[in-house]
Every structure is written in C-alpha cells, then in structure tokens.
N, C-alpha and C. Protein backbone atom coordinates (compact mmCIF):
# COMPACT_ATOMS: atom_id res chain seq x y z
N UNK A 1 145.26 106.66 120.01
CA UNK A 1 144.26 106.01 120.61
C UNK A 1 143.02 106.09 119.81
N UNK A 2 142.58 107.26 119.58
CA UNK A 2 141.56 107.61 118.88
C UNK A 2 141.70 107.48 117.40
N UNK A 3 142.76 107.76 116.98
CA UNK A 3 143.11 107.50 115.82
C UNK A 3 142.96 105.88 115.31
N UNK A 4 143.62 105.12 116.16
CA UNK A 4 143.47 103.66 116.04
C UNK A 4 142.22 103.22 116.04
N UNK A 5 141.55 103.58 116.93
CA UNK A 5 140.16 103.44 117.09
C UNK A 5 139.22 103.57 115.57
N UNK A 6 139.44 104.66 115.35
CA UNK A 6 138.68 105.08 113.99
C UNK A 6 139.23 104.38 113.02
N UNK A 7 140.34 104.03 112.68
CA UNK A 7 140.76 103.25 111.51
C UNK A 7 140.37 101.92 111.52
N UNK A 8 140.47 101.20 112.83
CA UNK A 8 140.29 99.83 112.99
C UNK A 8 138.66 99.34 112.94
N UNK A 9 137.99 100.57 113.53
CA UNK A 9 136.42 100.25 113.66
C UNK A 9 135.65 100.39 112.21
N UNK A 10 136.45 100.69 111.37
CA UNK A 10 135.75 101.08 109.73
C UNK A 10 134.95 102.26 109.94
N UNK A 11 134.01 102.46 108.83
CA UNK A 11 133.30 103.60 108.49
C UNK A 11 131.75 103.23 108.61
N UNK A 12 131.08 103.83 109.76
CA UNK A 12 129.80 103.74 109.59
C UNK A 12 129.19 104.13 108.23
N UNK A 13 127.97 104.05 108.18
CA UNK A 13 127.14 104.23 106.89
C UNK A 13 127.04 105.95 106.67
N UNK A 14 126.81 106.60 107.89
CA UNK A 14 126.76 107.87 107.66
C UNK A 14 127.99 108.74 107.28
N UNK A 15 129.18 108.18 107.78
CA UNK A 15 130.47 108.59 107.62
C UNK A 15 130.90 108.19 106.11
N UNK A 16 130.31 107.10 105.68
CA UNK A 16 130.50 106.70 104.23
C UNK A 16 129.96 107.53 103.27
N UNK A 17 128.61 107.95 103.82
CA UNK A 17 127.92 108.67 102.84
C UNK A 17 128.21 110.28 102.93
N UNK A 18 128.35 110.99 104.17
CA UNK A 18 128.79 112.09 104.18
C UNK A 18 130.11 112.71 104.75
N UNK A 19 130.95 111.70 104.54
CA UNK A 19 132.35 111.90 104.94
C UNK A 19 132.65 112.34 106.34
N UNK A 20 134.05 112.67 106.54
CA UNK A 20 134.46 112.93 107.77
C UNK A 20 135.94 113.64 107.82
N UNK A 21 135.91 115.05 108.23
CA UNK A 21 136.97 115.61 108.12
C UNK A 21 137.53 115.90 109.75
N UNK A 22 138.75 115.62 109.97
CA UNK A 22 139.28 116.05 111.21
C UNK A 22 140.62 116.81 111.19
N UNK A 23 140.58 117.98 111.35
CA UNK A 23 141.87 118.55 110.91
C UNK A 23 143.08 118.13 112.26
N UNK A 24 142.93 117.70 113.23
CA UNK A 24 144.04 117.35 113.74
C UNK A 24 144.50 115.68 113.61
N UNK A 25 143.62 115.11 112.92
CA UNK A 25 143.80 113.65 112.45
C UNK A 25 143.54 113.41 110.87
N UNK A 26 144.25 113.95 110.17
CA UNK A 26 144.09 114.13 108.63
C UNK A 26 144.06 112.51 108.19
N UNK A 27 144.67 111.83 108.89
CA UNK A 27 144.65 110.17 108.27
C UNK A 27 143.31 109.49 108.59
N UNK A 28 142.50 109.87 109.01
CA UNK A 28 140.92 109.47 109.25
C UNK A 28 140.00 110.09 108.49
N UNK A 29 140.31 111.12 107.77
CA UNK A 29 139.46 111.96 106.88
C UNK A 29 138.85 111.09 105.85
N UNK A 30 137.48 111.08 105.51
CA UNK A 30 136.83 110.31 104.52
C UNK A 30 135.98 111.28 103.57
N UNK A 31 136.44 110.99 102.11
CA UNK A 31 135.66 111.79 101.06
C UNK A 31 134.37 111.46 101.10
N UNK A 32 133.49 112.43 101.31
CA UNK A 32 131.96 112.05 100.79
C UNK A 32 131.42 111.44 99.79
N UNK A 33 130.63 110.64 99.54
CA UNK A 33 129.89 109.94 98.48
C UNK A 33 129.01 110.68 98.17
N UNK A 34 128.29 111.45 98.94
CA UNK A 34 127.00 112.26 98.73
C UNK A 34 127.18 113.74 98.52
N UNK A 35 126.62 114.34 97.51
CA UNK A 35 126.46 115.81 97.40
C UNK A 35 125.27 116.25 97.61
N UNK A 36 124.78 117.31 98.60
CA UNK A 36 123.39 117.63 98.81
C UNK A 36 123.27 119.24 98.41
N UNK A 37 122.18 119.44 97.56
CA UNK A 37 122.07 120.93 97.14
C UNK A 37 120.97 121.33 98.05
N UNK A 38 121.08 122.70 98.34
CA UNK A 38 120.00 123.42 98.99
C UNK A 38 118.91 123.40 98.35
N UNK A 39 117.40 123.15 99.23
CA UNK A 39 116.32 123.03 98.31
C UNK A 39 115.82 124.64 98.03
N UNK A 40 115.39 124.80 96.61
CA UNK A 40 114.99 126.12 96.18
C UNK A 40 113.67 126.05 95.88
N UNK A 41 112.83 127.11 96.11
CA UNK A 41 111.54 127.30 95.47
C UNK A 41 111.52 127.36 94.07
N UNK A 42 110.46 126.76 93.45
CA UNK A 42 110.41 126.90 91.93
C UNK A 42 109.35 128.23 91.72
N UNK A 43 108.95 128.55 92.58
CA UNK A 43 108.17 129.86 92.42
C UNK A 43 108.71 130.81 93.37
N UNK A 44 108.23 131.97 92.81
CA UNK A 44 108.66 133.52 93.54
C UNK A 44 108.21 133.36 95.12
N UNK A 45 109.29 133.43 95.92
CA UNK A 45 109.07 133.34 97.14
C UNK A 45 108.34 134.37 97.95
N UNK A 46 107.27 134.29 98.91
CA UNK A 46 106.70 135.16 99.66
C UNK A 46 106.71 134.99 101.06
N UNK A 47 107.76 135.78 101.85
CA UNK A 47 107.93 135.46 103.10
C UNK A 47 106.86 135.93 104.23
N UNK A 48 106.24 135.03 105.10
CA UNK A 48 105.32 135.46 105.89
C UNK A 48 105.84 135.29 107.29
N UNK A 49 105.16 135.96 108.39
CA UNK A 49 105.71 135.88 109.71
C UNK A 49 104.69 135.43 110.60
N UNK A 50 104.99 134.68 111.57
CA UNK A 50 104.22 134.25 112.56
C UNK A 50 104.57 134.90 113.82
N UNK A 51 103.60 135.44 114.38
CA UNK A 51 103.85 136.51 115.62
C UNK A 51 103.50 135.70 116.76
N UNK A 52 104.42 135.70 117.83
CA UNK A 52 104.26 134.89 118.85
C UNK A 52 104.89 135.80 120.08
N UNK A 53 104.19 135.11 121.37
CA UNK A 53 104.51 135.87 122.61
C UNK A 53 104.86 134.81 123.49
N UNK A 54 105.81 135.07 124.60
CA UNK A 54 106.17 133.91 125.56
C UNK A 54 106.28 134.75 127.02
N UNK A 55 105.50 134.12 127.85
CA UNK A 55 105.64 134.85 129.22
C UNK A 55 105.91 133.60 130.46
N UNK A 56 106.69 134.36 131.30
CA UNK A 56 106.88 133.52 132.49
C UNK A 56 105.82 133.25 133.39
N UNK A 57 105.92 132.13 134.25
CA UNK A 57 104.81 131.78 135.25
C UNK A 57 104.61 132.67 136.04
N UNK A 58 103.54 133.05 136.56
CA UNK A 58 103.16 133.94 137.58
C UNK A 58 104.11 133.75 138.69
N UNK A 59 104.73 134.77 139.13
CA UNK A 59 105.43 134.63 140.30
C UNK A 59 105.12 135.46 141.53
N UNK A 60 105.71 135.25 142.69
CA UNK A 60 105.51 136.21 143.73
C UNK A 60 105.97 137.64 143.60
N UNK A 61 105.71 138.37 144.43
CA UNK A 61 106.01 140.14 144.42
C UNK A 61 107.54 140.03 144.48
N UNK A 62 108.20 139.07 145.01
CA UNK A 62 109.70 139.53 145.56
C UNK A 62 110.53 138.50 144.08
N UNK A 63 109.75 138.05 143.16
CA UNK A 63 110.30 137.33 142.15
C UNK A 63 110.51 137.95 140.66
N UNK A 64 111.62 137.80 140.01
CA UNK A 64 111.54 138.61 138.60
C UNK A 64 111.26 137.52 137.71
N UNK A 65 110.77 138.00 136.58
CA UNK A 65 110.41 137.13 135.56
C UNK A 65 110.69 137.65 134.07
N UNK A 66 110.43 137.28 133.00
CA UNK A 66 110.94 137.53 131.75
C UNK A 66 109.79 137.46 130.73
N UNK A 67 109.52 138.29 129.67
CA UNK A 67 108.69 138.31 128.81
C UNK A 67 109.33 138.27 127.45
N UNK A 68 108.58 137.87 126.18
CA UNK A 68 109.26 137.98 125.12
C UNK A 68 108.29 138.00 123.93
N UNK A 69 108.40 139.03 122.83
CA UNK A 69 107.64 139.32 121.83
C UNK A 69 108.73 138.93 120.34
N UNK A 70 108.04 138.04 119.64
CA UNK A 70 109.20 137.64 118.45
C UNK A 70 108.06 137.32 117.48
N UNK A 71 108.94 136.87 116.21
CA UNK A 71 108.12 136.52 115.11
C UNK A 71 109.06 135.37 114.52
N UNK A 72 108.40 134.33 113.78
CA UNK A 72 109.28 133.33 113.02
C UNK A 72 108.78 133.64 111.44
N UNK A 73 109.77 133.47 110.65
CA UNK A 73 109.71 133.62 109.22
C UNK A 73 109.26 132.35 108.82
N UNK A 74 108.31 132.22 108.06
CA UNK A 74 108.03 131.01 107.10
C UNK A 74 107.41 131.35 105.69
N UNK A 75 107.46 130.02 104.79
CA UNK A 75 106.76 130.48 103.67
C UNK A 75 106.31 128.98 103.30
N UNK A 76 105.19 128.88 102.17
CA UNK A 76 104.78 127.63 101.83
C UNK A 76 105.11 127.34 100.13
N UNK A 77 106.27 127.66 99.87
CA UNK A 77 106.67 127.48 98.66
C UNK A 77 106.67 126.02 98.03
N UNK A 78 106.63 125.58 96.86
CA UNK A 78 107.06 124.47 96.28
C UNK A 78 108.82 124.23 95.99
N UNK A 79 109.26 123.35 96.46
CA UNK A 79 110.61 123.20 96.49
C UNK A 79 111.23 122.02 95.28
N UNK A 80 112.38 122.39 94.76
CA UNK A 80 113.13 121.39 93.91
C UNK A 80 114.24 121.35 95.06
N UNK A 81 114.41 119.60 94.94
CA UNK A 81 115.57 119.10 95.87
C UNK A 81 116.37 118.28 94.92
N UNK A 82 117.75 118.41 95.25
CA UNK A 82 118.55 117.41 94.33
C UNK A 82 119.69 116.93 95.02
N UNK A 83 120.10 115.59 95.07
CA UNK A 83 121.23 115.13 95.66
C UNK A 83 121.81 114.06 94.58
N UNK A 84 123.07 113.84 94.77
CA UNK A 84 123.74 112.87 94.03
C UNK A 84 124.68 111.95 94.83
N UNK A 85 124.64 110.72 94.36
CA UNK A 85 125.38 109.70 95.33
C UNK A 85 126.41 109.03 94.28
N UNK A 86 127.60 109.16 94.57
CA UNK A 86 129.01 108.61 93.87
C UNK A 86 128.95 107.07 94.49
N UNK A 87 128.38 106.28 93.50
CA UNK A 87 128.44 104.79 94.21
C UNK A 87 129.77 104.13 94.29
N UNK A 88 130.73 104.61 93.37
CA UNK A 88 132.13 104.05 93.51
C UNK A 88 132.84 104.54 94.78
N UNK A 89 132.62 105.87 95.07
CA UNK A 89 133.14 106.58 96.42
C UNK A 89 132.63 105.59 97.54
N UNK A 90 131.49 105.54 97.46
CA UNK A 90 130.62 104.69 98.49
C UNK A 90 131.02 103.39 98.67
N UNK A 91 131.43 102.51 97.58
CA UNK A 91 131.80 101.37 97.60
C UNK A 91 133.30 101.39 98.14
N UNK A 92 134.14 102.52 97.87
CA UNK A 92 135.37 102.61 98.25
C UNK A 92 135.63 102.98 99.73
N UNK A 93 134.61 103.63 100.31
CA UNK A 93 134.42 104.11 101.80
C UNK A 93 134.25 102.84 102.57
N UNK A 94 133.30 102.19 102.27
CA UNK A 94 132.89 101.04 102.77
C UNK A 94 133.75 99.57 102.72
N UNK A 95 134.47 99.55 101.52
CA UNK A 95 134.95 98.23 101.15
C UNK A 95 134.26 97.08 100.92
N UNK A 96 132.77 97.19 100.78
CA UNK A 96 131.85 96.28 100.57
C UNK A 96 130.71 96.57 99.79
N UNK A 97 130.78 96.14 98.55
CA UNK A 97 129.70 96.48 97.55
C UNK A 97 128.34 96.04 98.03
N UNK A 98 127.98 94.99 98.72
CA UNK A 98 126.73 94.53 99.31
C UNK A 98 126.16 95.78 100.33
N UNK A 99 127.05 96.12 101.18
CA UNK A 99 126.82 96.75 102.04
C UNK A 99 126.39 98.24 101.42
N UNK A 100 127.23 98.65 100.50
CA UNK A 100 126.92 99.99 99.95
C UNK A 100 125.81 100.00 99.24
N UNK A 101 125.28 98.83 98.59
CA UNK A 101 124.01 98.79 97.85
C UNK A 101 123.00 99.09 99.02
N UNK A 102 122.98 98.39 100.11
CA UNK A 102 121.94 98.43 101.04
C UNK A 102 121.87 99.91 101.74
N UNK A 103 122.98 100.76 101.88
CA UNK A 103 123.00 101.78 102.38
C UNK A 103 122.55 102.81 101.30
N UNK A 104 122.88 102.61 100.03
CA UNK A 104 122.36 103.50 99.01
C UNK A 104 120.74 103.45 98.85
N UNK A 105 120.34 102.22 99.05
CA UNK A 105 118.76 102.22 98.99
C UNK A 105 118.00 102.95 100.02
N UNK A 106 118.71 102.76 101.46
CA UNK A 106 118.31 103.50 102.48
C UNK A 106 118.47 104.99 102.33
N UNK A 107 119.58 105.30 101.89
CA UNK A 107 119.83 106.85 101.60
C UNK A 107 118.67 107.32 100.81
N UNK A 108 118.41 106.78 99.74
CA UNK A 108 117.41 107.01 98.81
C UNK A 108 116.11 107.30 99.15
N UNK A 109 115.66 106.32 100.10
CA UNK A 109 114.25 106.04 100.51
C UNK A 109 114.16 107.42 101.59
N UNK A 110 115.31 107.70 102.46
CA UNK A 110 115.36 108.68 103.38
C UNK A 110 115.11 110.03 102.62
N UNK A 111 115.90 110.15 101.76
CA UNK A 111 115.97 111.43 101.19
C UNK A 111 114.58 111.95 100.42
N UNK A 112 113.97 110.96 99.83
CA UNK A 112 112.49 111.19 99.50
C UNK A 112 111.50 111.69 100.38
N UNK A 113 111.68 110.96 101.59
CA UNK A 113 110.56 111.03 102.34
C UNK A 113 111.19 111.91 103.76
N UNK A 114 112.25 112.53 103.47
CA UNK A 114 112.67 113.44 104.73
C UNK A 114 111.94 114.73 104.68
N UNK A 115 111.49 115.07 105.93
CA UNK A 115 110.57 116.33 106.25
C UNK A 115 111.47 117.02 107.38
N UNK A 116 111.46 118.13 107.40
CA UNK A 116 112.20 119.12 108.38
C UNK A 116 111.46 118.81 109.61
N UNK A 117 112.10 118.76 110.89
CA UNK A 117 111.53 118.77 112.05
C UNK A 117 111.40 120.03 112.88
N UNK A 118 112.11 120.94 112.44
CA UNK A 118 112.08 122.18 113.39
C UNK A 118 110.55 122.86 113.33
N UNK A 119 110.16 123.31 114.50
CA UNK A 119 108.82 123.93 114.69
C UNK A 119 107.73 123.21 114.11
N UNK A 120 107.86 121.84 113.98
CA UNK A 120 106.68 121.08 113.84
C UNK A 120 105.36 121.20 114.41
N UNK A 121 105.49 121.42 115.34
CA UNK A 121 104.32 121.66 116.12
C UNK A 121 103.47 122.89 116.14
N UNK A 122 104.34 123.90 115.37
CA UNK A 122 103.43 125.04 115.03
C UNK A 122 103.06 125.12 113.53
N UNK A 123 103.70 124.33 112.57
CA UNK A 123 103.60 124.29 110.92
C UNK A 123 102.99 122.85 110.52
N UNK A 124 103.31 122.03 111.25
CA UNK A 124 102.83 120.62 110.56
C UNK A 124 103.10 120.26 109.27
N UNK A 125 104.58 120.48 109.11
CA UNK A 125 104.98 120.46 107.49
C UNK A 125 105.04 119.04 107.34
N UNK A 126 104.04 118.31 106.54
CA UNK A 126 104.07 116.90 106.47
C UNK A 126 103.64 116.56 105.09
N UNK A 127 104.14 117.41 104.04
CA UNK A 127 103.81 117.04 102.76
C UNK A 127 105.00 116.10 102.17
N UNK A 128 104.42 115.17 101.26
CA UNK A 128 105.44 114.43 100.48
C UNK A 128 105.74 115.04 99.32
N UNK A 129 106.66 114.62 98.61
CA UNK A 129 107.12 115.07 97.00
C UNK A 129 106.15 114.91 96.17
N UNK A 130 105.61 115.85 95.26
CA UNK A 130 104.57 115.50 94.17
C UNK A 130 105.09 114.59 92.82
N UNK A 131 106.56 114.81 92.73
CA UNK A 131 107.11 114.05 91.89
C UNK A 131 108.56 113.80 92.28
N UNK A 132 109.21 112.49 92.00
CA UNK A 132 110.30 112.07 92.38
C UNK A 132 111.05 111.42 90.89
N UNK A 133 112.28 111.89 90.59
CA UNK A 133 112.90 111.36 89.59
C UNK A 133 114.35 110.88 90.02
N UNK A 134 114.83 109.90 89.28
CA UNK A 134 115.98 109.07 89.57
C UNK A 134 116.59 108.94 88.34
N UNK A 135 117.97 109.14 88.42
CA UNK A 135 118.82 109.07 87.14
C UNK A 135 120.03 108.59 87.60
N UNK A 136 120.75 107.31 86.71
CA UNK A 136 121.69 106.76 87.04
C UNK A 136 122.59 106.82 85.76
N UNK A 137 123.85 107.52 86.05
CA UNK A 137 124.46 107.75 84.92
C UNK A 137 126.08 107.54 85.14
N UNK A 138 126.80 107.28 84.24
CA UNK A 138 128.20 107.32 84.17
C UNK A 138 128.87 108.62 84.14
N UNK A 139 129.71 109.09 85.09
CA UNK A 139 130.39 110.06 84.92
C UNK A 139 129.78 111.24 85.66
N UNK A 140 129.58 112.48 85.26
CA UNK A 140 129.15 113.57 85.94
C UNK A 140 127.68 113.63 86.09
N UNK A 141 127.33 114.01 87.42
CA UNK A 141 125.99 114.14 87.86
C UNK A 141 125.46 115.47 87.04
N UNK A 142 124.20 115.58 86.91
CA UNK A 142 123.64 116.71 86.38
C UNK A 142 122.14 117.14 86.95
N UNK A 143 122.36 118.29 87.57
CA UNK A 143 121.05 118.77 88.35
C UNK A 143 120.19 119.60 87.13
N UNK A 144 118.68 119.58 87.63
CA UNK A 144 117.77 119.92 86.90
C UNK A 144 117.33 121.40 87.23
N UNK A 145 118.10 121.99 87.94
CA UNK A 145 117.57 123.44 88.66
C UNK A 145 117.45 124.47 87.93
N UNK A 146 118.20 124.41 86.97
CA UNK A 146 117.91 125.29 85.81
C UNK A 146 116.52 125.51 85.42
N UNK A 147 115.86 124.52 85.34
CA UNK A 147 114.46 124.34 84.89
C UNK A 147 113.66 125.39 85.30
N UNK A 148 114.06 126.06 86.43
CA UNK A 148 113.34 126.98 87.35
C UNK A 148 114.04 128.36 87.48
N UNK A 149 114.78 128.68 86.56
CA UNK A 149 115.39 129.86 86.55
C UNK A 149 114.30 130.86 86.32
N UNK A 150 113.30 130.73 85.50
CA UNK A 150 111.99 131.43 85.53
C UNK A 150 111.18 130.97 86.59
N UNK A 151 110.50 131.80 87.49
CA UNK A 151 109.77 131.27 88.52
C UNK A 151 108.55 130.69 87.96
N UNK A 152 107.92 129.53 88.56
CA UNK A 152 106.88 129.19 88.04
C UNK A 152 105.56 129.76 88.85
N UNK A 153 104.41 129.73 88.19
CA UNK A 153 103.20 130.37 88.70
C UNK A 153 102.01 129.61 88.38
N UNK A 154 100.94 129.54 88.86
CA UNK A 154 99.69 128.92 88.58
C UNK A 154 99.18 129.85 87.42
N UNK A 155 98.82 129.25 86.10
CA UNK A 155 98.36 129.95 84.98
C UNK A 155 97.71 129.31 84.12
N UNK A 156 96.87 129.60 83.14
CA UNK A 156 96.20 129.06 82.13
C UNK A 156 95.46 127.91 82.52
N UNK A 157 94.96 127.89 83.80
CA UNK A 157 93.96 126.79 84.46
C UNK A 157 94.72 125.69 84.98
N UNK A 158 96.16 125.97 85.12
CA UNK A 158 97.11 124.67 85.60
C UNK A 158 97.56 125.20 87.02
N UNK A 159 97.93 124.32 87.99
CA UNK A 159 98.30 124.66 89.10
C UNK A 159 100.04 124.96 88.92
N UNK A 160 100.31 125.49 90.24
CA UNK A 160 101.83 125.65 90.15
C UNK A 160 102.52 124.15 90.16
N UNK A 161 102.09 123.04 90.60
CA UNK A 161 102.64 121.93 90.69
C UNK A 161 102.83 121.54 89.12
N UNK A 162 101.63 121.61 88.38
CA UNK A 162 101.41 121.13 87.08
C UNK A 162 102.68 121.85 85.84
N UNK A 163 102.40 123.34 86.16
CA UNK A 163 103.38 124.04 85.39
C UNK A 163 105.05 123.59 85.81
N UNK A 164 105.27 123.39 87.11
CA UNK A 164 106.69 123.24 87.53
C UNK A 164 106.93 121.72 86.83
N UNK A 165 106.16 120.81 86.70
CA UNK A 165 106.62 119.43 86.27
C UNK A 165 106.54 119.62 84.81
N UNK A 166 105.98 120.74 83.90
CA UNK A 166 106.13 120.78 82.69
C UNK A 166 107.49 121.27 82.36
N UNK A 167 107.92 122.35 83.11
CA UNK A 167 109.05 123.09 82.85
C UNK A 167 110.30 121.88 83.19
N UNK A 168 110.07 121.13 84.08
CA UNK A 168 111.16 119.97 84.44
C UNK A 168 111.28 119.19 83.09
N UNK A 169 110.16 118.74 82.77
CA UNK A 169 110.12 118.06 81.71
C UNK A 169 110.75 118.63 80.49
N UNK A 170 110.32 119.68 80.12
CA UNK A 170 111.03 120.54 78.90
C UNK A 170 112.58 120.78 79.08
N UNK A 171 113.05 121.01 80.39
CA UNK A 171 114.33 121.06 80.60
C UNK A 171 115.19 119.88 80.27
N UNK A 172 114.72 118.91 80.74
CA UNK A 172 115.49 117.47 80.63
C UNK A 172 115.26 117.11 78.97
N UNK A 173 114.50 117.53 78.28
CA UNK A 173 114.32 117.38 76.90
C UNK A 173 115.46 118.39 76.10
N UNK A 174 115.43 119.62 76.79
CA UNK A 174 116.60 120.46 76.28
C UNK A 174 118.17 119.94 76.29
N UNK A 175 118.24 119.37 77.72
CA UNK A 175 119.66 118.79 77.97
C UNK A 175 120.04 117.72 77.12
N UNK A 176 118.85 116.75 76.95
CA UNK A 176 119.21 115.60 76.08
C UNK A 176 119.55 115.97 74.71
N UNK A 177 118.75 116.99 74.19
CA UNK A 177 118.98 117.13 72.72
C UNK A 177 120.44 117.93 72.69
N UNK A 178 120.92 118.57 73.69
CA UNK A 178 122.05 119.40 73.67
C UNK A 178 123.29 118.36 73.79
N UNK A 179 123.15 117.40 74.91
CA UNK A 179 124.55 116.44 75.37
C UNK A 179 124.22 115.13 74.95
N UNK A 180 123.03 114.83 74.54
CA UNK A 180 122.71 113.53 74.32
C UNK A 180 122.35 112.67 75.72
N UNK A 181 122.16 111.25 75.40
CA UNK A 181 121.96 110.50 76.71
C UNK A 181 122.76 109.27 76.75
N UNK A 182 123.99 109.47 76.22
CA UNK A 182 125.00 108.34 76.13
C UNK A 182 125.28 107.79 77.72
N UNK A 183 125.58 108.95 78.55
CA UNK A 183 125.90 108.58 79.73
C UNK A 183 124.72 107.94 80.79
N UNK A 184 123.73 108.01 80.44
CA UNK A 184 122.53 107.69 81.14
C UNK A 184 122.17 106.12 81.21
N UNK A 185 122.49 105.56 82.13
CA UNK A 185 122.24 104.06 82.25
C UNK A 185 120.60 103.88 82.71
N UNK A 186 120.03 104.41 83.51
CA UNK A 186 118.80 104.59 83.92
C UNK A 186 118.15 105.65 84.26
N UNK A 187 116.78 105.85 83.75
CA UNK A 187 115.92 107.00 84.14
C UNK A 187 114.67 106.71 84.49
N UNK A 188 114.00 107.26 85.57
CA UNK A 188 112.60 106.88 85.77
C UNK A 188 112.11 108.18 86.86
N UNK A 189 110.63 108.24 86.79
CA UNK A 189 109.83 109.35 87.44
C UNK A 189 108.84 108.55 87.64
N UNK A 190 108.49 108.95 88.91
CA UNK A 190 106.98 109.01 89.31
C UNK A 190 106.24 110.10 89.97
N UNK A 191 105.11 110.55 89.69
CA UNK A 191 104.24 111.55 89.94
C UNK A 191 103.05 111.02 90.63
N UNK A 192 102.33 112.33 91.14
CA UNK A 192 100.89 112.00 91.56
C UNK A 192 100.09 111.47 90.10
N UNK A 193 99.09 110.98 90.14
CA UNK A 193 98.28 110.53 88.99
C UNK A 193 97.93 111.72 88.28
N UNK A 194 97.29 112.82 89.10
CA UNK A 194 96.69 113.92 88.22
C UNK A 194 97.77 114.82 87.57
N UNK A 195 99.22 114.49 87.80
CA UNK A 195 99.99 115.30 87.37
C UNK A 195 100.70 114.56 86.29
N UNK A 196 100.59 113.37 85.87
CA UNK A 196 101.22 112.70 84.95
C UNK A 196 101.18 113.22 83.51
N UNK A 197 99.93 113.63 83.11
CA UNK A 197 99.77 114.36 81.91
C UNK A 197 100.45 115.58 81.51
N UNK A 198 101.25 116.03 82.47
CA UNK A 198 102.29 117.02 82.14
C UNK A 198 103.57 116.55 81.70
N UNK A 199 103.78 115.19 81.70
CA UNK A 199 105.07 114.60 81.13
C UNK A 199 104.91 114.27 79.63
N UNK A 200 105.99 114.52 78.97
CA UNK A 200 106.13 114.54 77.52
C UNK A 200 107.44 113.56 77.34
N UNK A 201 108.68 114.05 77.23
CA UNK A 201 109.69 113.81 77.07
C UNK A 201 109.84 112.51 78.29
N UNK A 202 109.39 112.56 79.23
CA UNK A 202 109.83 111.71 80.32
C UNK A 202 108.68 110.76 80.52
N UNK A 203 107.69 110.75 79.60
CA UNK A 203 106.23 109.82 79.70
C UNK A 203 106.86 108.35 79.73
N UNK A 204 107.84 108.10 78.83
CA UNK A 204 108.17 106.52 78.51
C UNK A 204 108.86 106.16 79.82
N UNK A 205 109.30 106.85 80.70
CA UNK A 205 109.96 106.27 81.84
C UNK A 205 109.45 106.46 83.05
N UNK A 206 108.08 106.51 83.04
CA UNK A 206 107.15 106.71 84.41
C UNK A 206 107.40 105.30 84.93
N UNK A 207 107.40 105.60 86.29
CA UNK A 207 107.26 104.16 87.19
C UNK A 207 106.11 104.34 87.91
N UNK A 208 105.36 103.21 88.60
CA UNK A 208 104.16 103.27 89.17
C UNK A 208 104.26 103.64 90.71
N UNK A 209 105.10 103.39 91.27
CA UNK A 209 105.34 103.89 92.84
C UNK A 209 106.84 104.34 93.06
N UNK A 210 106.80 105.01 94.24
CA UNK A 210 108.38 105.39 94.61
C UNK A 210 109.19 104.36 94.66
N UNK A 211 108.56 103.22 95.65
CA UNK A 211 109.46 102.02 95.69
C UNK A 211 110.06 101.14 94.73
N UNK A 212 109.01 101.41 93.75
CA UNK A 212 109.79 100.65 92.54
C UNK A 212 110.67 101.34 91.76
N UNK A 213 110.37 102.68 91.74
CA UNK A 213 111.45 103.69 91.15
C UNK A 213 112.91 103.50 91.96
N UNK A 214 113.08 103.55 93.23
CA UNK A 214 114.07 103.26 94.08
C UNK A 214 114.87 101.80 93.51
N UNK A 215 114.00 100.95 93.67
CA UNK A 215 114.27 99.69 93.50
C UNK A 215 114.96 99.34 92.19
N UNK A 216 114.60 99.84 91.18
CA UNK A 216 115.12 99.86 89.72
C UNK A 216 116.20 100.51 89.51
N UNK A 217 116.26 101.96 90.23
CA UNK A 217 117.51 102.74 90.30
C UNK A 217 118.60 101.98 90.66
N UNK A 218 118.28 101.57 91.99
CA UNK A 218 119.49 100.74 92.55
C UNK A 218 120.03 99.68 92.11
N UNK A 219 119.19 98.99 91.35
CA UNK A 219 119.72 97.66 90.49
C UNK A 219 120.50 98.19 89.36
N UNK A 220 120.11 99.43 88.99
CA UNK A 220 121.02 99.72 87.84
C UNK A 220 122.39 100.38 88.27
N UNK A 221 122.24 101.09 89.25
CA UNK A 221 123.46 101.52 90.08
C UNK A 221 124.42 100.42 90.61
N UNK A 222 123.83 99.16 90.88
CA UNK A 222 124.67 98.11 91.54
C UNK A 222 124.39 97.02 90.66
N UNK A 223 124.73 96.89 89.41
CA UNK A 223 124.52 95.56 88.64
C UNK A 223 124.92 94.34 89.41
N UNK A 224 124.25 93.64 89.53
CA UNK A 224 124.73 92.30 90.29
C UNK A 224 125.62 92.52 91.60
N UNK A 225 125.04 93.42 92.29
CA UNK A 225 125.97 93.86 93.42
C UNK A 225 127.62 94.32 93.42
N UNK A 226 127.76 94.64 91.87
CA UNK A 226 129.14 94.98 91.82
C UNK A 226 129.22 96.52 92.04
C-alpha cells in the first residue's frame, strides 16, 4: 500500500530536488537533482565560546532540582557556499518542465536567502550574502572553492570581503584560461555596490539585483520552458 501510494502520488518538489532513499522499497527511490556542499570559511577560523548556565526553578525543601554549566562554540567567519542543480534530473523526477522551472527558481531564491535557524535568539545571525554568482553550463558543474585554498585576510587597506571577491574573480579567470568557457551558457554575478570594484574578469557579467540574476539564470537553464 505504501509503495503504491508513493508511486501514484508522484514526487513533491522537495523529493524531486533532494531525492529519496528507502532501503525496504528501492522501487520508490529518487535520484537527487541537487548537490549541496558544506559552507566553508574563506578566512582562518577562530572558534569562540559562549559560556552559559541553566538552573531549575526554586523548589521546596523536599524537591530535587538540576543545574547546568556549559558553553556553545561559535565563530563569525565569512563563508563560501556552493550548490548545483541538474535541470535534466529535476525534469525527469517531476515529469513536467514547467513545474521544474518554477521549483528551480524557488530553490535558487531559498538558497541565496537561507539563514540558519539554530540558536538565533542568542546569535541573531541575519546577514545576507555579499556576493551571489550563478553559472548555467552544459555538463559538469564546477565549484570555485579552490579560490580560498589560501585563507583570505584584511590587508592593504582592503576588507576581508573585498579580498575574498578578488580571489574569487581571479580563480574564475584561471579556470577559464585553462579549460575555456565552451560549456558556459550563462554567467552572472551581483555584489554589494562597494565591492563591485574588486571584479575584473567577471565585471562584464554583473547583474543589478539578485532577483534579476536568478531570473536570467533560470531563463537560460530552461529555454522556452524546455
């Protein structure tokens, strides 16, 4: 009954994106269309600790209670995040190109604006990305994580963000020189205005807003809804 229901009800968007694996029902397994890398710090990470205590309510003489002393690790690094979406796999999973396009756009928007929800009352981590880049290509996706093999640091009067963007731009230039851009269908980047001057190779593909970047990338990935 479960197998029949899973087969007949189709695949919801989250399953089409991230896949499904059931060892007891391999016939309903779904290959993921999305690959998601762990976020890494572009600078040398310095772990810090938030000390806290927790105490029980005041009880009576005949009641037992509990106390706790602990610490929570945290850092305030600048992170590089990378994800890739296989549009052909997504269309295969859904069986509908129009639906795939809508889900791909929703995923892109969510990825850019995603903010961790854990411990928000104690950390208020509500920073949005300083730069967003989108590339649509045929064949193998390529991460730019190697741009940060050498940790970035503020220097020469430039901030960590400025130097990180310079390294990203330079790494893209190196990859294009080595492998070419034949597979690239679309590329675009949007940054904060004060960071835009750090772009050289990527200067000609700047977009005015994140919304425009996503819109153009999705249009390139799904030409005429195909």
